[in-house]
N, C-alpha and C. Protein backbone atom coordinates (compact mmCIF):
# COMPACT_ATOMS: atom_id res chain seq x y z
N MET A 1 3.13 -29.15 -4.34
CA MET A 1 2.19 -28.30 -4.43
C MET A 1 1.05 -28.65 -3.61
N GLU A 2 0.55 -27.73 -2.69
CA GLU A 2 -0.59 -28.02 -1.71
C GLU A 2 -1.77 -26.95 -2.17
N ILE A 3 -2.90 -27.34 -2.26
CA ILE A 3 -3.93 -26.65 -2.89
C ILE A 3 -5.07 -26.58 -1.64
N TRP A 4 -5.10 -25.39 -1.03
CA TRP A 4 -5.94 -25.38 0.33
C TRP A 4 -7.36 -25.00 0.17
N ALA A 5 -7.86 -24.38 -1.03
CA ALA A 5 -9.10 -23.98 -1.08
C ALA A 5 -9.48 -23.57 -2.57
N LEU A 6 -10.82 -24.07 -2.94
CA LEU A 6 -11.13 -23.52 -4.14
C LEU A 6 -12.39 -23.02 -4.09
N PRO A 7 -13.09 -22.01 -4.69
CA PRO A 7 -14.20 -21.64 -4.73
C PRO A 7 -15.39 -22.89 -5.31
N LYS A 8 -16.47 -22.88 -4.74
CA LYS A 8 -17.19 -23.79 -5.05
C LYS A 8 -18.40 -23.30 -6.27
N GLN A 9 -18.65 -22.07 -6.41
CA GLN A 9 -19.45 -21.52 -7.36
C GLN A 9 -18.39 -21.22 -8.51
N PRO A 10 -19.06 -21.26 -9.97
CA PRO A 10 -18.10 -20.84 -11.07
C PRO A 10 -17.97 -19.38 -10.95
N LEU A 11 -16.80 -18.82 -11.55
CA LEU A 11 -16.48 -17.68 -11.89
C LEU A 11 -16.89 -17.06 -12.75
N PRO A 12 -17.05 -15.74 -13.21
CA PRO A 12 -17.06 -15.36 -14.72
C PRO A 12 -15.77 -15.53 -15.36
N ALA A 13 -16.05 -15.48 -16.76
CA ALA A 13 -14.89 -15.87 -17.57
C ALA A 13 -13.56 -15.07 -17.57
N LEU A 14 -14.01 -13.68 -17.42
CA LEU A 14 -12.83 -12.93 -17.41
C LEU A 14 -12.13 -12.88 -16.13
N ILE A 15 -12.72 -13.30 -14.89
CA ILE A 15 -11.89 -13.42 -13.73
C ILE A 15 -11.31 -14.68 -13.77
N THR A 16 -11.81 -15.80 -14.01
CA THR A 16 -11.28 -17.12 -14.22
C THR A 16 -10.10 -17.13 -15.02
N GLU A 17 -10.00 -16.32 -16.22
CA GLU A 17 -8.80 -16.05 -16.96
C GLU A 17 -7.62 -15.18 -16.41
N ILE A 18 -8.05 -14.27 -15.53
CA ILE A 18 -7.08 -13.41 -14.87
C ILE A 18 -6.54 -14.14 -13.64
N VAL A 19 -7.35 -15.01 -12.92
CA VAL A 19 -6.95 -15.65 -11.82
C VAL A 19 -5.89 -16.89 -12.34
N HIS A 20 -6.25 -17.43 -13.39
CA HIS A 20 -5.48 -18.65 -13.85
C HIS A 20 -4.17 -17.98 -14.48
N GLY A 21 -4.38 -16.91 -14.81
CA GLY A 21 -2.85 -16.29 -15.59
C GLY A 21 -2.16 -15.77 -14.52
N ALA A 22 -2.56 -15.41 -13.33
CA ALA A 22 -1.93 -15.00 -12.15
C ALA A 22 -1.23 -16.29 -11.56
N ILE A 23 -1.87 -17.26 -11.32
CA ILE A 23 -1.27 -18.56 -10.84
C ILE A 23 -0.35 -18.93 -11.59
N ARG A 24 -0.51 -19.05 -12.96
CA ARG A 24 0.73 -19.44 -13.76
C ARG A 24 1.85 -18.66 -13.74
N ASP A 25 1.69 -17.51 -13.68
CA ASP A 25 2.91 -16.33 -13.62
C ASP A 25 3.66 -16.71 -12.33
N VAL A 26 2.90 -16.82 -11.25
CA VAL A 26 3.19 -16.78 -9.92
C VAL A 26 4.15 -18.12 -9.82
N LEU A 27 3.45 -19.14 -10.12
CA LEU A 27 4.51 -20.66 -10.01
C LEU A 27 5.44 -20.49 -11.03
N GLN A 28 5.55 -19.79 -11.98
CA GLN A 28 6.88 -19.67 -12.90
C GLN A 28 7.79 -19.06 -12.41
N GLU A 29 7.36 -17.85 -11.45
CA GLU A 29 8.54 -17.37 -10.64
C GLU A 29 8.80 -18.11 -9.41
N VAL A 30 8.23 -18.88 -8.95
CA VAL A 30 8.58 -19.97 -7.73
C VAL A 30 9.54 -20.58 -8.54
N GLU A 31 9.26 -21.20 -9.61
CA GLU A 31 10.23 -22.30 -10.32
C GLU A 31 11.52 -21.69 -10.68
N ARG A 32 11.55 -20.65 -11.11
CA ARG A 32 12.54 -19.96 -11.57
C ARG A 32 13.45 -19.37 -10.39
N GLN A 33 13.14 -18.94 -9.30
CA GLN A 33 13.88 -18.31 -8.50
C GLN A 33 13.85 -18.67 -7.03
N ALA A 34 12.64 -18.95 -6.80
CA ALA A 34 12.45 -19.51 -5.05
C ALA A 34 13.21 -20.65 -4.50
N GLN A 35 13.39 -21.71 -5.29
CA GLN A 35 14.16 -22.80 -4.56
C GLN A 35 13.28 -23.49 -3.68
N ALA A 36 11.94 -23.43 -3.67
CA ALA A 36 11.00 -24.06 -2.80
C ALA A 36 10.93 -25.23 -2.73
N HIS A 37 10.44 -25.99 -1.70
CA HIS A 37 10.22 -27.36 -1.67
C HIS A 37 8.56 -27.60 -1.47
N THR A 38 7.97 -26.63 -1.15
CA THR A 38 6.44 -26.68 -0.82
C THR A 38 5.60 -25.36 -1.34
N VAL A 39 4.79 -25.46 -2.46
CA VAL A 39 4.00 -24.12 -2.62
C VAL A 39 2.63 -24.52 -2.35
N SER A 40 1.81 -23.57 -1.78
CA SER A 40 0.52 -23.60 -1.23
C SER A 40 -0.14 -22.63 -1.95
N VAL A 41 -1.47 -23.15 -2.51
CA VAL A 41 -2.33 -22.16 -3.39
C VAL A 41 -3.94 -22.23 -2.59
N ALA A 42 -4.04 -21.05 -2.28
CA ALA A 42 -5.70 -20.96 -1.66
C ALA A 42 -6.55 -19.90 -2.70
N LEU A 43 -7.51 -20.39 -3.05
CA LEU A 43 -8.54 -19.29 -3.82
C LEU A 43 -9.97 -19.25 -3.05
N THR A 44 -10.35 -18.27 -2.62
CA THR A 44 -11.51 -18.21 -1.64
C THR A 44 -12.29 -16.93 -2.18
N VAL A 45 -13.55 -17.34 -1.85
CA VAL A 45 -14.47 -16.25 -2.34
C VAL A 45 -15.42 -16.04 -0.99
N ALA A 46 -15.33 -14.80 -0.40
CA ALA A 46 -15.81 -14.15 0.87
C ALA A 46 -16.80 -13.18 0.50
N PRO A 47 -17.60 -12.43 1.42
CA PRO A 47 -18.35 -11.48 1.06
C PRO A 47 -17.83 -10.27 0.68
N GLY A 48 -16.53 -10.08 0.89
CA GLY A 48 -15.63 -8.95 0.42
C GLY A 48 -15.37 -9.25 -1.24
N GLY A 49 -15.25 -10.38 -1.48
CA GLY A 49 -14.83 -10.58 -2.89
C GLY A 49 -14.04 -11.88 -2.91
N LEU A 50 -12.89 -12.01 -3.84
CA LEU A 50 -12.06 -13.34 -4.08
C LEU A 50 -10.78 -12.63 -3.78
N ARG A 51 -10.09 -13.97 -3.21
CA ARG A 51 -8.86 -13.74 -2.64
C ARG A 51 -8.17 -14.84 -3.16
N LEU A 52 -6.81 -14.87 -3.93
CA LEU A 52 -5.80 -15.78 -4.39
C LEU A 52 -4.53 -15.37 -3.29
N THR A 53 -4.19 -16.63 -2.90
CA THR A 53 -2.91 -16.48 -2.00
C THR A 53 -2.02 -17.67 -2.47
N VAL A 54 -0.64 -17.38 -2.99
CA VAL A 54 0.45 -18.50 -3.36
C VAL A 54 1.45 -18.27 -2.32
N SER A 55 1.84 -19.15 -1.61
CA SER A 55 3.13 -18.92 -0.81
C SER A 55 3.75 -20.11 -0.84
N ASP A 56 5.19 -19.97 -0.58
CA ASP A 56 6.27 -20.99 -0.91
C ASP A 56 7.20 -20.65 0.13
N ASP A 57 7.74 -22.03 0.26
CA ASP A 57 9.13 -21.67 1.78
C ASP A 57 10.22 -21.81 0.99
N GLY A 58 10.69 -20.91 0.04
CA GLY A 58 11.87 -20.65 -0.80
C GLY A 58 12.79 -19.74 -0.13
N LEU A 59 13.42 -19.05 -0.83
CA LEU A 59 14.37 -18.15 -0.66
C LEU A 59 13.65 -16.75 -0.16
N GLY A 60 12.56 -16.38 -0.49
CA GLY A 60 12.14 -15.15 -0.09
C GLY A 60 12.52 -14.28 -0.90
N THR A 61 11.67 -14.03 -2.25
CA THR A 61 11.76 -13.22 -3.18
C THR A 61 11.13 -11.86 -2.96
N SER A 62 12.00 -10.69 -3.18
CA SER A 62 11.36 -9.40 -3.14
C SER A 62 10.33 -9.24 -3.91
N ALA A 63 9.41 -8.12 -3.62
CA ALA A 63 8.51 -7.69 -4.75
C ALA A 63 9.39 -7.14 -5.77
N LYS A 64 10.47 -6.18 -5.48
CA LYS A 64 11.37 -5.57 -6.67
C LYS A 64 11.83 -6.94 -7.50
N ALA A 65 12.04 -7.98 -7.26
CA ALA A 65 12.39 -8.96 -7.90
C ALA A 65 11.43 -9.71 -8.95
N CYS A 66 10.22 -9.53 -8.69
CA CYS A 66 9.16 -10.08 -9.30
C CYS A 66 8.26 -9.19 -10.01
N GLU A 67 8.46 -7.78 -9.79
CA GLU A 67 7.68 -6.66 -10.45
C GLU A 67 7.78 -6.74 -11.89
N ALA A 68 8.65 -6.96 -12.69
CA ALA A 68 8.63 -6.93 -14.19
C ALA A 68 7.60 -8.23 -14.64
N ASP A 69 7.81 -9.27 -13.97
CA ASP A 69 7.05 -10.66 -14.37
C ASP A 69 5.53 -10.67 -13.95
N LEU A 70 5.49 -9.80 -13.00
CA LEU A 70 3.87 -9.82 -12.43
C LEU A 70 3.12 -8.56 -12.89
N ARG A 71 4.05 -7.67 -13.53
CA ARG A 71 3.36 -6.20 -13.98
C ARG A 71 2.07 -6.30 -14.61
N SER A 72 2.08 -7.09 -15.51
CA SER A 72 0.83 -7.40 -16.40
C SER A 72 -0.51 -7.68 -15.63
N ARG A 73 -0.09 -8.76 -14.81
CA ARG A 73 -1.11 -9.19 -13.68
C ARG A 73 -1.71 -8.14 -13.09
N ARG A 74 -0.80 -7.48 -12.38
CA ARG A 74 -1.22 -6.53 -11.54
C ARG A 74 -2.03 -5.36 -12.18
N VAL A 75 -1.64 -5.11 -13.43
CA VAL A 75 -2.48 -4.13 -14.29
C VAL A 75 -3.77 -4.74 -14.40
N GLU A 76 -3.93 -6.02 -14.82
CA GLU A 76 -5.16 -6.46 -15.16
C GLU A 76 -6.08 -6.56 -13.96
N LEU A 77 -5.50 -7.13 -12.58
CA LEU A 77 -6.35 -6.91 -11.46
C LEU A 77 -6.81 -5.49 -11.27
N ALA A 78 -6.03 -4.58 -11.36
CA ALA A 78 -6.23 -3.21 -11.16
C ALA A 78 -7.39 -2.40 -12.06
N GLY A 79 -7.49 -2.95 -13.30
CA GLY A 79 -8.49 -2.76 -14.13
C GLY A 79 -10.02 -3.23 -13.47
N ILE A 80 -9.83 -4.38 -12.89
CA ILE A 80 -11.42 -4.91 -12.30
C ILE A 80 -11.43 -4.33 -11.04
N GLY A 81 -10.60 -3.56 -10.35
CA GLY A 81 -10.58 -3.09 -9.14
C GLY A 81 -9.88 -3.74 -7.88
N GLY A 82 -8.91 -4.84 -8.55
CA GLY A 82 -8.45 -5.79 -7.29
C GLY A 82 -7.20 -5.03 -7.29
N ASP A 83 -6.15 -6.18 -6.61
CA ASP A 83 -4.95 -5.71 -6.45
C ASP A 83 -4.09 -6.86 -6.11
N LEU A 84 -2.62 -6.92 -6.30
CA LEU A 84 -1.54 -8.06 -6.32
C LEU A 84 -0.32 -7.55 -5.48
N THR A 85 -0.28 -8.34 -4.51
CA THR A 85 0.87 -7.80 -3.51
C THR A 85 1.95 -8.85 -3.38
N VAL A 86 3.12 -8.45 -3.10
CA VAL A 86 4.22 -9.70 -3.09
C VAL A 86 4.87 -9.44 -1.42
N ASN A 87 5.18 -10.31 -0.74
CA ASN A 87 5.82 -10.22 0.24
C ASN A 87 6.73 -11.38 0.62
N GLY A 88 8.13 -10.88 0.60
CA GLY A 88 8.93 -12.10 0.64
C GLY A 88 9.66 -11.77 2.08
N VAL A 89 10.17 -12.84 2.58
CA VAL A 89 10.90 -12.61 3.72
C VAL A 89 12.28 -13.53 3.52
N ARG A 90 13.44 -12.99 3.58
CA ARG A 90 14.59 -13.87 3.05
C ARG A 90 14.81 -14.95 4.04
N GLY A 91 15.01 -16.26 3.28
CA GLY A 91 15.19 -17.40 3.78
C GLY A 91 14.00 -17.97 4.29
N GLU A 92 12.58 -17.39 4.31
CA GLU A 92 11.43 -18.12 4.93
C GLU A 92 10.49 -18.36 3.82
N GLY A 93 10.49 -17.77 2.56
CA GLY A 93 9.39 -17.83 1.40
C GLY A 93 8.91 -16.56 1.03
N THR A 94 8.05 -16.72 0.12
CA THR A 94 7.13 -15.60 -0.39
C THR A 94 5.59 -15.80 -0.46
N THR A 95 5.00 -14.83 -0.40
CA THR A 95 3.50 -14.86 -0.57
C THR A 95 3.10 -13.98 -1.46
N VAL A 96 2.23 -14.29 -2.46
CA VAL A 96 1.89 -13.53 -3.52
C VAL A 96 0.27 -13.54 -3.24
N SER A 97 -0.48 -12.32 -2.97
CA SER A 97 -1.97 -12.40 -2.65
C SER A 97 -2.32 -11.56 -3.97
N ALA A 98 -3.53 -11.95 -4.29
CA ALA A 98 -4.22 -11.15 -5.40
C ALA A 98 -5.81 -11.15 -4.65
N THR A 99 -6.35 -9.99 -5.03
CA THR A 99 -7.79 -9.68 -4.65
C THR A 99 -8.62 -9.32 -5.67
N VAL A 100 -9.98 -9.66 -5.66
CA VAL A 100 -10.93 -9.15 -6.85
C VAL A 100 -12.17 -8.86 -6.06
N PRO A 101 -12.49 -7.75 -6.19
CA PRO A 101 -13.54 -7.04 -5.32
C PRO A 101 -14.85 -7.81 -5.78
N ARG A 102 -15.90 -7.98 -4.75
CA ARG A 102 -17.21 -8.72 -4.79
C ARG A 102 -17.96 -7.94 -6.31
N ARG A 103 -17.65 -6.78 -6.49
CA ARG A 103 -18.63 -6.34 -7.63
C ARG A 103 -18.08 -6.69 -8.96
N ALA A 104 -16.99 -7.05 -9.07
CA ALA A 104 -16.39 -7.57 -10.54
C ALA A 104 -16.66 -9.19 -10.43
N LEU A 105 -17.14 -9.59 -9.69
CA LEU A 105 -17.47 -11.19 -9.43
C LEU A 105 -18.96 -11.29 -10.20
N GLY A 106 -19.69 -10.30 -10.10
CA GLY A 106 -20.98 -10.37 -11.08
C GLY A 106 -22.08 -10.59 -10.00
């Protein structure tokens, strides 16, 4: 696992809980079905808000294959104005991205 970026400032408790849960769920998906050698995690805060990106070099899982396991995280993120997307390329890996708008960060 590679960690590329982490925010320097503390995040609100609710956001921390949602982001940690999303990371956990995505890493479980990677372990369960990706057959990846490397997983990269980046969590950045910019003027527009927070962005979480988890990428692997595995089999390239489709959004449909992850939908059931990530549905609750997508709903949580939508509840605070955020989003979660899955982009898999067969044989090249999968990237899961989650966003949280600045207004939700307090």
